[in-house]
């Protein structure tokens, strides 16, 4: 017993004195100690093997009651603790898998968003460049419209000068017509005088022959002057008609140029409005581009963070599965 041997039977004493009583008590004590040792060894062995299915029901006696209570307390405490760890491990494993899946989805979504934002940023840059080119083209168009308006103003001045010249030509033609009328009247009067002179020369006889010749020549000249004056009058009248028609055409051209000038002014106003709108759009597009760049930076940061979170969640999932596998080695209810 001193060496810890509880299996060797105690000596059998045949007598019925105090030695026999002491031997009987010793045998009973060995039996009880052996029972306690075997029961404690059995339950500690099962716990060492991770088996917590059985419930300790053996009742000890005497001072071994404290050992019984301690063994039961250890068994129940470990069993409860392992059960809670098992439940927590299962919950952590399930949550870790969900977190890992969510983090991977978030990482993939962030990567897709980053790619989409990059494409959107490139598109915004192209739109901004096109807007700048449109602004330059609109400004150039505004310059050309202004040049055309200035040239149209010069043309208007030239047409006004042409109209003034036509009016002067018309006035001169009218004066020339009056002069031709005077010449016709003079030719008519001269013809009458020449006829009278011829009549008087015929009355004078031979003395008036020379005068008659002169009168005939004067009458011929008067007739020619009258014919020339009529022809000139017809040309002047044709010129006056042409000048009147030209004046009407000039008036129509002037009216058309006035309308064209008004349209050009409206076009200039519209072009200026377009230039202002395009410049405003260019500024707004630049602001949008800056905002997209900021969003792209945030999404890239989010993508990197989500990748780190996915890696951490995966590691957590691996560790939780490992802990769950360790807890499964214990046999619990």
Protein backbone atom coordinates (compact mmCIF):
# COMPACT_ATOMS: atom_id res chain seq x y z
CA UNK A 1 0.00 0.00 0.00
CA UNK A 2 2.89 2.35 0.84
CA UNK A 3 4.26 1.69 -2.68
CA UNK A 4 0.86 2.40 -4.24
CA UNK A 5 -0.04 -1.24 -4.85
CA UNK A 6 -3.77 -1.68 -4.38
CA UNK A 7 -4.11 -4.90 -6.38
CA UNK A 8 -2.19 -7.37 -4.23
CA UNK A 9 -4.61 -9.13 -1.87
CA UNK A 10 -4.15 -8.58 1.83
CA UNK A 11 -2.90 -11.49 3.97
CA UNK A 12 -5.65 -13.91 5.00
CA UNK A 13 -5.80 -14.35 8.78
CA UNK A 14 -7.71 -17.36 10.08
CA UNK A 15 -7.77 -16.35 13.66
CA UNK A 16 -10.59 -14.36 15.17
CA UNK A 17 -8.61 -12.01 17.33
CA UNK A 18 -7.75 -8.33 16.81
CA UNK A 19 -5.27 -9.26 14.06
CA UNK A 20 -8.07 -10.90 12.07
CA UNK A 21 -10.26 -7.82 12.58
CA UNK A 22 -7.38 -5.56 11.49
CA UNK A 23 -6.78 -7.76 8.42
CA UNK A 24 -10.49 -7.67 7.54
CA UNK A 25 -10.60 -3.88 7.89
CA UNK A 26 -7.45 -3.65 5.78
CA UNK A 27 -9.01 -5.78 3.06
CA UNK A 28 -12.16 -3.63 3.08
CA UNK A 29 -10.04 -0.47 2.91
CA UNK A 30 -8.05 -1.91 -0.05
CA UNK A 31 -11.28 -2.78 -1.80
CA UNK A 32 -12.70 0.68 -1.27
CA UNK A 33 -9.45 2.38 -2.29
CA UNK A 34 -9.24 0.15 -5.34
CA UNK A 35 -12.82 1.01 -6.30
CA UNK A 36 -12.14 4.73 -5.91
CA UNK A 37 -8.82 4.52 -7.79
CA UNK A 38 -10.33 2.51 -10.63
CA UNK A 39 -13.38 4.79 -10.90
CA UNK A 40 -11.23 7.97 -10.86
CA UNK A 41 -8.75 6.40 -13.31
CA UNK A 42 -11.59 5.32 -15.59
CA UNK A 43 -13.27 8.71 -15.72
CA UNK A 44 -9.98 10.62 -16.04
CA UNK A 45 -8.97 8.23 -18.84
CA UNK A 46 -12.27 8.85 -20.69
CA UNK A 47 -11.84 12.59 -20.27
CA UNK A 48 -8.25 12.27 -21.50
CA UNK A 49 -9.63 10.51 -24.58
CA UNK A 50 -12.14 13.30 -25.09
CA UNK A 51 -15.18 11.24 -24.14
CA UNK A 52 -17.65 13.21 -22.04
CA UNK A 53 -20.73 11.15 -22.85
CA UNK A 54 -20.93 9.36 -19.53
CA UNK A 55 -22.15 11.00 -16.38
CA UNK A 56 -20.32 10.24 -13.10
CA UNK A 57 -22.85 8.55 -10.82
CA UNK A 58 -20.56 6.67 -8.42
CA UNK A 59 -20.89 7.77 -4.83
CA UNK A 60 -17.78 7.92 -2.66
CA UNK A 61 -17.65 7.88 1.10
CA UNK A 62 -15.82 9.54 3.90
CA UNK A 63 -13.05 11.90 2.93
CA UNK A 64 -13.33 10.66 -0.67
CA UNK A 65 -16.57 12.64 -1.06
CA UNK A 66 -14.42 15.75 -1.67
CA UNK A 67 -12.60 13.87 -4.45
CA UNK A 68 -15.95 12.76 -5.88
CA UNK A 69 -17.22 16.32 -5.91
CA UNK A 70 -13.96 17.54 -7.47
CA UNK A 71 -14.04 14.87 -10.22
CA UNK A 72 -17.68 15.62 -10.98
CA UNK A 73 -17.00 19.37 -10.97
CA UNK A 74 -14.03 18.96 -13.32
CA UNK A 75 -16.06 16.66 -15.59
CA UNK A 76 -19.09 18.96 -15.72
CA UNK A 77 -16.98 22.11 -16.06
CA UNK A 78 -14.93 20.71 -18.93
CA UNK A 79 -18.03 19.28 -20.56
CA UNK A 80 -19.90 22.60 -20.37
CA UNK A 81 -16.84 24.56 -21.50
CA UNK A 82 -16.20 22.27 -24.44
CA UNK A 83 -19.89 22.35 -25.40
CA UNK A 84 -19.82 26.16 -25.42
CA UNK A 85 -16.55 26.15 -27.35
CA UNK A 86 -18.08 23.70 -29.84
CA UNK A 87 -21.13 25.92 -30.31
CA UNK A 88 -18.98 29.06 -30.54
CA UNK A 89 -16.60 27.33 -32.95
CA UNK A 90 -19.52 26.33 -35.17
CA UNK A 91 -20.94 29.85 -35.06
CA UNK A 92 -17.53 31.42 -35.72
CA UNK A 93 -16.87 28.97 -38.55
CA UNK A 94 -20.23 29.73 -40.19
CA UNK A 95 -19.80 33.49 -39.68
CA UNK A 96 -16.22 33.36 -40.90
CA UNK A 97 -17.32 31.56 -44.07
CA UNK A 98 -20.03 34.18 -44.61
CA UNK A 99 -17.59 37.02 -43.89
CA UNK A 100 -15.03 35.47 -46.22
CA UNK A 101 -17.62 35.05 -48.96
CA UNK A 102 -18.91 38.57 -48.42
CA UNK A 103 -15.39 40.01 -48.38
CA UNK A 104 -14.53 38.18 -51.59
CA UNK A 105 -17.74 39.42 -53.21
CA UNK A 106 -16.96 42.92 -51.97
CA UNK A 107 -13.43 42.64 -53.31
CA UNK A 108 -14.67 41.42 -56.67
CA UNK A 109 -17.35 44.14 -56.77
CA UNK A 110 -14.79 46.79 -55.81
CA UNK A 111 -12.47 45.55 -58.56
CA UNK A 112 -15.30 45.69 -61.10
CA UNK A 113 -16.29 49.15 -59.87
CA UNK A 114 -12.68 50.29 -60.13
CA UNK A 115 -12.53 49.01 -63.71
CA UNK A 116 -15.86 50.68 -64.53
CA UNK A 117 -14.72 53.94 -62.94
CA UNK A 118 -11.50 53.82 -64.95
CA UNK A 119 -13.49 53.36 -68.15
CA UNK A 120 -15.85 56.14 -67.07
CA UNK A 121 -12.88 58.39 -66.30
CA UNK A 122 -11.37 57.68 -69.73
CA UNK A 123 -14.75 58.42 -71.35
CA UNK A 124 -15.05 61.63 -69.33
CA UNK A 125 -11.56 62.66 -70.45
CA UNK A 126 -12.53 62.06 -74.08
CA UNK A 127 -15.74 64.06 -73.59
CA UNK A 128 -13.75 66.88 -71.97
CA UNK A 129 -11.29 66.86 -74.88
CA UNK A 130 -14.16 66.90 -77.40
CA UNK A 131 -15.77 69.76 -75.45
CA UNK A 132 -12.50 71.71 -75.58
CA UNK A 133 -12.27 71.10 -79.32
CA UNK A 134 -15.91 72.13 -79.70
CA UNK A 135 -15.20 75.29 -77.75
CA UNK A 136 -12.24 76.11 -80.00
CA UNK A 137 -14.36 75.41 -83.10
CA UNK A 138 -17.23 77.51 -81.76
CA UNK A 139 -14.85 80.39 -81.00
CA UNK A 140 -13.41 80.09 -84.51
CA UNK A 141 -16.94 80.04 -85.95
CA UNK A 142 -17.75 83.12 -83.87
CA UNK A 143 -14.70 84.84 -85.34
CA UNK A 144 -15.74 83.92 -88.89
CA UNK A 145 -19.31 85.05 -88.26
CA UNK A 146 -18.00 88.36 -86.94
CA UNK A 147 -15.80 88.69 -90.06
CA UNK A 148 -18.78 87.86 -92.27
CA UNK A 149 -20.87 90.46 -90.43
CA UNK A 150 -18.16 93.07 -90.91
CA UNK A 151 -17.86 92.18 -94.60
CA UNK A 152 -21.64 92.31 -94.90
CA UNK A 153 -21.55 95.80 -93.43
CA UNK A 154 -18.98 96.82 -96.04
CA UNK A 155 -21.20 95.33 -98.77
CA UNK A 156 -24.13 97.30 -97.37
CA UNK A 157 -22.08 100.50 -97.66
CA UNK A 158 -21.12 99.64 -101.25
CA UNK A 159 -24.77 98.98 -102.13
CA UNK A 160 -25.77 102.29 -100.58
CA UNK A 161 -23.08 104.02 -102.66
CA UNK A 162 -24.35 102.15 -105.75
CA UNK A 163 -27.90 103.26 -104.95
CA UNK A 164 -26.72 106.86 -104.62
CA UNK A 165 -24.86 106.56 -107.97
CA UNK A 166 -27.99 105.13 -109.63
CA UNK A 167 -30.02 108.01 -108.30
CA UNK A 168 -27.47 110.46 -109.69
CA UNK A 169 -27.53 108.68 -113.06
CA UNK A 170 -31.33 108.82 -113.03
CA UNK A 171 -31.25 112.56 -112.25
CA UNK A 172 -28.66 113.14 -115.01
CA UNK A 173 -30.71 111.12 -117.51
CA UNK A 174 -33.77 113.21 -116.67
CA UNK A 175 -31.79 116.40 -117.25
CA UNK A 176 -30.38 115.05 -120.51
CA UNK A 177 -33.91 114.15 -121.61
CA UNK A 178 -34.98 117.70 -120.96
CA UNK A 179 -31.99 118.95 -122.98
CA UNK A 180 -32.91 116.59 -125.84
CA UNK A 181 -36.44 117.97 -125.77
CA UNK A 182 -34.95 121.44 -126.11
CA UNK A 183 -32.76 120.28 -129.01
CA UNK A 184 -35.80 118.72 -130.73
CA UNK A 185 -37.69 121.94 -130.28
CA UNK A 186 -34.76 123.92 -131.69
CA UNK A 187 -34.47 121.49 -134.65
CA UNK A 188 -38.21 121.81 -135.28
CA UNK A 189 -38.05 125.61 -135.18
CA UNK A 190 -34.94 125.58 -137.38
CA UNK A 191 -36.70 123.33 -139.89
CA UNK A 192 -39.63 125.73 -140.02
CA UNK A 193 -37.28 128.69 -140.46
CA UNK A 194 -35.40 126.84 -143.23
CA UNK A 195 -38.70 126.08 -144.97
CA UNK A 196 -39.72 129.71 -144.77
CA UNK A 197 -36.30 130.71 -146.08
CA UNK A 198 -36.71 128.34 -149.02
CA UNK A 199 -40.09 129.85 -149.80
CA UNK A 200 -38.67 133.37 -149.66
CA UNK A 201 -35.67 132.32 -151.84
CA UNK A 202 -38.05 130.88 -154.42
CA UNK A 203 -39.90 134.18 -154.49
CA UNK A 204 -36.65 136.10 -154.95
CA UNK A 205 -35.94 134.17 -158.11
CA UNK A 206 -32.41 133.88 -159.36
CA UNK A 207 -31.20 136.30 -156.74
CA UNK A 208 -32.26 133.96 -153.98
CA UNK A 209 -30.83 130.71 -155.36
CA UNK A 210 -27.76 130.78 -153.13
CA UNK A 211 -29.88 131.52 -150.11
CA UNK A 212 -32.20 128.66 -151.11
CA UNK A 213 -29.25 126.27 -151.20
CA UNK A 214 -28.21 127.39 -147.73
CA UNK A 215 -31.79 127.07 -146.50
CA UNK A 216 -31.96 123.50 -147.85
CA UNK A 217 -28.74 122.60 -146.10
CA UNK A 218 -29.98 124.14 -142.86
CA UNK A 219 -33.23 122.20 -143.19
CA UNK A 220 -31.29 118.99 -143.85
CA UNK A 221 -29.15 119.65 -140.80
CA UNK A 222 -32.23 120.40 -138.74
CA UNK A 223 -33.82 117.15 -139.92
CA UNK A 224 -30.68 115.23 -139.05
CA UNK A 225 -30.46 116.99 -135.68
CA UNK A 226 -34.08 116.14 -135.02
CA UNK A 227 -33.49 112.47 -135.96
CA UNK A 228 -30.36 112.33 -133.83
CA UNK A 229 -32.16 113.99 -130.94
CA UNK A 230 -35.02 111.47 -131.20
CA UNK A 231 -32.59 108.57 -131.32
CA UNK A 232 -30.72 110.02 -128.38
CA UNK A 233 -33.97 110.56 -126.54
CA UNK A 234 -34.93 106.93 -127.11
CA UNK A 235 -31.54 105.80 -125.77
CA UNK A 236 -31.85 108.13 -122.79
CA UNK A 237 -35.37 106.86 -122.09
CA UNK A 238 -34.08 103.28 -122.33
CA UNK A 239 -31.26 104.24 -120.00
CA UNK A 240 -33.74 105.83 -117.60
CA UNK A 241 -35.85 102.66 -117.67
CA UNK A 242 -32.76 100.52 -117.12
CA UNK A 243 -31.66 102.81 -114.33
CA UNK A 244 -35.13 102.54 -112.73
CA UNK A 245 -35.01 98.77 -113.00
CA UNK A 246 -31.48 98.82 -111.63
CA UNK A 247 -32.71 100.99 -108.76
CA UNK A 248 -35.44 98.44 -108.00
CA UNK A 249 -32.88 95.64 -108.11
CA UNK A 250 -30.57 97.66 -105.85
CA UNK A 251 -33.49 98.25 -103.48
CA UNK A 252 -34.23 94.51 -103.42
CA UNK A 253 -30.54 93.78 -102.88
CA UNK A 254 -30.46 96.35 -100.09
CA UNK A 255 -33.54 94.80 -98.49
CA UNK A 256 -32.03 91.33 -98.83
CA UNK A 257 -28.77 92.53 -97.34
CA UNK A 258 -30.67 94.14 -94.47
CA UNK A 259 -32.39 90.82 -93.76
CA UNK A 260 -29.08 89.00 -94.14
CA UNK A 261 -27.47 91.46 -91.74
CA UNK A 262 -30.28 90.90 -89.22
CA UNK A 263 -29.90 87.11 -89.61
CA UNK A 264 -26.13 87.45 -89.24
CA UNK A 265 -26.65 89.42 -86.02
CA UNK A 266 -28.95 86.69 -84.71
CA UNK A 267 -26.42 84.04 -85.77
CA UNK A 268 -23.69 85.95 -83.96
CA UNK A 269 -25.83 86.08 -80.81
CA UNK A 270 -26.60 82.37 -81.07
CA UNK A 271 -22.96 81.49 -81.70
CA UNK A 272 -21.93 83.57 -78.68
CA UNK A 273 -24.56 81.70 -76.61
CA UNK A 274 -23.24 78.39 -77.94
CA UNK A 275 -19.68 79.39 -77.07
CA UNK A 276 -20.76 80.36 -73.55
CA UNK A 277 -22.73 77.12 -73.13
CA UNK A 278 -19.85 74.99 -74.41
CA UNK A 279 -17.40 76.76 -72.11
CA UNK A 280 -19.78 76.21 -69.17
CA UNK A 281 -20.15 72.54 -70.15
CA UNK A 282 -16.38 72.23 -70.39
CA UNK A 283 -16.04 73.59 -66.86
CA UNK A 284 -18.75 71.27 -65.56
CA UNK A 285 -17.17 68.29 -67.35
CA UNK A 286 -13.84 69.17 -65.72
CA UNK A 287 -15.57 69.18 -62.31
CA UNK A 288 -17.20 65.83 -63.11
CA UNK A 289 -13.81 64.45 -64.15
CA UNK A 290 -12.29 65.60 -60.85
CA UNK A 291 -15.16 63.96 -58.96
CA UNK A 292 -14.70 60.73 -60.91
CA UNK A 293 -10.98 60.79 -60.13
CA UNK A 294 -11.80 61.17 -56.42
CA UNK A 295 -14.33 58.33 -56.59
CA UNK A 296 -11.77 56.21 -58.44
CA UNK A 297 -9.22 56.86 -55.69
CA UNK A 298 -11.76 55.94 -52.99
CA UNK A 299 -12.82 52.79 -54.87
CA UNK A 300 -9.20 51.73 -55.35
CA UNK A 301 -8.61 52.22 -51.62
CA UNK A 302 -11.81 50.30 -50.88
CA UNK A 303 -10.72 47.55 -53.26
CA UNK A 304 -7.37 47.23 -51.51
CA UNK A 305 -9.07 47.23 -48.10
CA UNK A 306 -11.63 44.65 -49.25
CA UNK A 307 -8.83 42.43 -50.56
CA UNK A 308 -7.11 42.66 -47.17
CA UNK A 309 -10.43 41.97 -45.44
CA UNK A 310 -11.00 38.97 -47.71
CA UNK A 311 -7.55 37.62 -46.85
CA UNK A 312 -8.15 38.18 -43.11
CA UNK A 313 -11.61 36.63 -43.34
CA UNK A 314 -10.16 33.63 -45.14
CA UNK A 315 -7.50 33.24 -42.46
CA UNK A 316 -10.19 33.58 -39.77
CA UNK A 317 -12.28 30.97 -41.56
CA UNK A 318 -9.31 28.60 -41.73
CA UNK A 319 -8.54 29.11 -38.04
CA UNK A 320 -12.19 28.66 -37.06
CA UNK A 321 -12.40 25.44 -39.06
CA UNK A 322 -9.20 24.26 -37.41
CA UNK A 323 -10.65 25.07 -33.96
CA UNK A 324 -13.89 23.34 -34.90
CA UNK A 325 -11.97 20.26 -35.99
CA UNK A 326 -10.08 20.28 -32.67
CA UNK A 327 -13.29 20.57 -30.70
CA UNK A 328 -14.85 17.70 -32.69
CA UNK A 329 -12.26 15.37 -31.17
CA UNK A 330 -14.24 15.64 -27.93
CA UNK A 331 -17.31 13.44 -27.73
CA UNK A 332 -20.13 15.54 -26.33
CA UNK A 333 -23.85 15.09 -26.08
